[in-house]
């Protein structure tokens, strides 16, 4: 779910700084905490949303996950 047009917790994004797909797990004082969409859960941070591109909002990810079951 985006807030004010910005990616938010649960949204899937592309981190252009690293070239990786990620899910936003937390936002702490404006710093985005990211984890890979698949694979080992190793988190990294993005200092702002400047390099984050929304690829799937939380609602879509949730719907797609339920449809896979």
C-alpha atoms as a PDB file:
ATOM      1  CA  UNK A   1       0.000   0.000   0.000  1.00  0.00           C
ATOM      2  CA  UNK A   2       1.558   3.262  -1.021  1.00  0.00           C
ATOM      3  CA  UNK A   3       1.359   6.325   1.182  1.00  0.00           C
ATOM      4  CA  UNK A   4       1.413   9.745  -0.368  1.00  0.00           C
ATOM      5  CA  UNK A   5       2.528   8.131  -3.629  1.00  0.00           C
ATOM      6  CA  UNK A   6       5.559   6.494  -2.003  1.00  0.00           C
ATOM      7  CA  UNK A   7       6.203   2.776  -1.516  1.00  0.00           C
ATOM      8  CA  UNK A   8       5.239   1.459   1.920  1.00  0.00           C
ATOM      9  CA  UNK A   9       5.664  -1.621   4.104  1.00  0.00           C
ATOM     10  CA  UNK A  10       4.638  -4.767   2.233  1.00  0.00           C
ATOM     11  CA  UNK A  11       5.128  -3.275  -1.227  1.00  0.00           C
ATOM     12  CA  UNK A  12       7.425  -4.992  -3.713  1.00  0.00           C
ATOM     13  CA  UNK A  13       9.999  -2.704  -5.279  1.00  0.00           C
ATOM     14  CA  UNK A  14      13.047  -2.711  -7.492  1.00  0.00           C
ATOM     15  CA  UNK A  15      16.033  -1.202  -5.706  1.00  0.00           C
ATOM     16  CA  UNK A  16      17.814   0.522  -8.600  1.00  0.00           C
ATOM     17  CA  UNK A  17      20.890   1.124  -6.425  1.00  0.00           C
ATOM     18  CA  UNK A  18      21.477  -2.645  -6.078  1.00  0.00           C
ATOM     19  CA  UNK A  19      19.496  -3.961  -9.054  1.00  0.00           C
ATOM     20  CA  UNK A  20      17.523  -6.294  -6.772  1.00  0.00           C
ATOM     21  CA  UNK A  21      13.831  -7.006  -6.289  1.00  0.00           C
ATOM     22  CA  UNK A  22      12.742  -6.520  -2.693  1.00  0.00           C
ATOM     23  CA  UNK A  23       9.864  -6.245  -0.269  1.00  0.00           C
ATOM     24  CA  UNK A  24       9.797  -3.327   2.147  1.00  0.00           C
ATOM     25  CA  UNK A  25       9.678  -4.778   5.668  1.00  0.00           C
ATOM     26  CA  UNK A  26      10.005  -1.591   7.732  1.00  0.00           C
ATOM     27  CA  UNK A  27      10.668   2.113   7.501  1.00  0.00           C
ATOM     28  CA  UNK A  28      12.731   3.542  10.338  1.00  0.00           C
ATOM     29  CA  UNK A  29      13.150   7.301  10.469  1.00  0.00           C
ATOM     30  CA  UNK A  30      12.884   7.479   6.688  1.00  0.00           C
ATOM     31  CA  UNK A  31      15.265   4.558   6.039  1.00  0.00           C
ATOM     32  CA  UNK A  32      13.672   1.669   4.125  1.00  0.00           C
ATOM     33  CA  UNK A  33      14.471  -1.859   5.329  1.00  0.00           C
ATOM     34  CA  UNK A  34      14.346  -4.319   2.419  1.00  0.00           C
ATOM     35  CA  UNK A  35      14.443  -8.084   2.050  1.00  0.00           C
ATOM     36  CA  UNK A  36      14.677 -10.214  -1.087  1.00  0.00           C
ATOM     37  CA  UNK A  37      11.404 -11.375  -2.656  1.00  0.00           C
ATOM     38  CA  UNK A  38      12.769 -14.944  -2.601  1.00  0.00           C
ATOM     39  CA  UNK A  39      15.801 -16.611  -1.149  1.00  0.00           C
ATOM     40  CA  UNK A  40      17.706 -16.123   2.091  1.00  0.00           C
ATOM     41  CA  UNK A  41      16.307 -13.427   4.332  1.00  0.00           C
ATOM     42  CA  UNK A  42      19.195 -11.013   4.401  1.00  0.00           C
ATOM     43  CA  UNK A  43      18.018  -7.440   4.790  1.00  0.00           C
ATOM     44  CA  UNK A  44      19.567  -4.252   3.503  1.00  0.00           C
ATOM     45  CA  UNK A  45      18.581  -0.611   3.669  1.00  0.00           C
ATOM     46  CA  UNK A  46      17.817   2.225   1.287  1.00  0.00           C
ATOM     47  CA  UNK A  47      18.304   5.736   2.654  1.00  0.00           C
ATOM     48  CA  UNK A  48      15.284   7.037   0.730  1.00  0.00           C
ATOM     49  CA  UNK A  49      12.703   5.990  -1.839  1.00  0.00           C
ATOM     50  CA  UNK A  50      14.663   7.791  -4.559  1.00  0.00           C
ATOM     51  CA  UNK A  51      16.049   4.523  -5.990  1.00  0.00           C
ATOM     52  CA  UNK A  52      12.959   2.398  -5.268  1.00  0.00           C
ATOM     53  CA  UNK A  53      10.456   1.653  -8.027  1.00  0.00           C
ATOM     54  CA  UNK A  54       7.139   0.105  -7.068  1.00  0.00           C
ATOM     55  CA  UNK A  55       6.607  -3.188  -8.929  1.00  0.00           C
ATOM     56  CA  UNK A  56       3.675  -4.658  -6.933  1.00  0.00           C
ATOM     57  CA  UNK A  57       1.685  -3.006  -4.179  1.00  0.00           C
ATOM     58  CA  UNK A  58       1.046  -4.983  -1.011  1.00  0.00           C
ATOM     59  CA  UNK A  59      -2.565  -5.716  -1.990  1.00  0.00           C
ATOM     60  CA  UNK A  60      -1.489  -7.272  -5.306  1.00  0.00           C
ATOM     61  CA  UNK A  61       1.252  -9.338  -3.664  1.00  0.00           C
ATOM     62  CA  UNK A  62      -1.238 -10.624  -1.120  1.00  0.00           C
ATOM     63  CA  UNK A  63      -3.783 -11.504  -3.820  1.00  0.00           C
ATOM     64  CA  UNK A  64      -1.126 -13.274  -5.922  1.00  0.00           C
ATOM     65  CA  UNK A  65       0.099 -15.265  -2.896  1.00  0.00           C
ATOM     66  CA  UNK A  66      -3.429 -16.414  -2.041  1.00  0.00           C
ATOM     67  CA  UNK A  67      -4.057 -17.383  -5.681  1.00  0.00           C
ATOM     68  CA  UNK A  68      -0.939 -19.594  -5.692  1.00  0.00           C
ATOM     69  CA  UNK A  69      -2.295 -21.703  -2.837  1.00  0.00           C
END
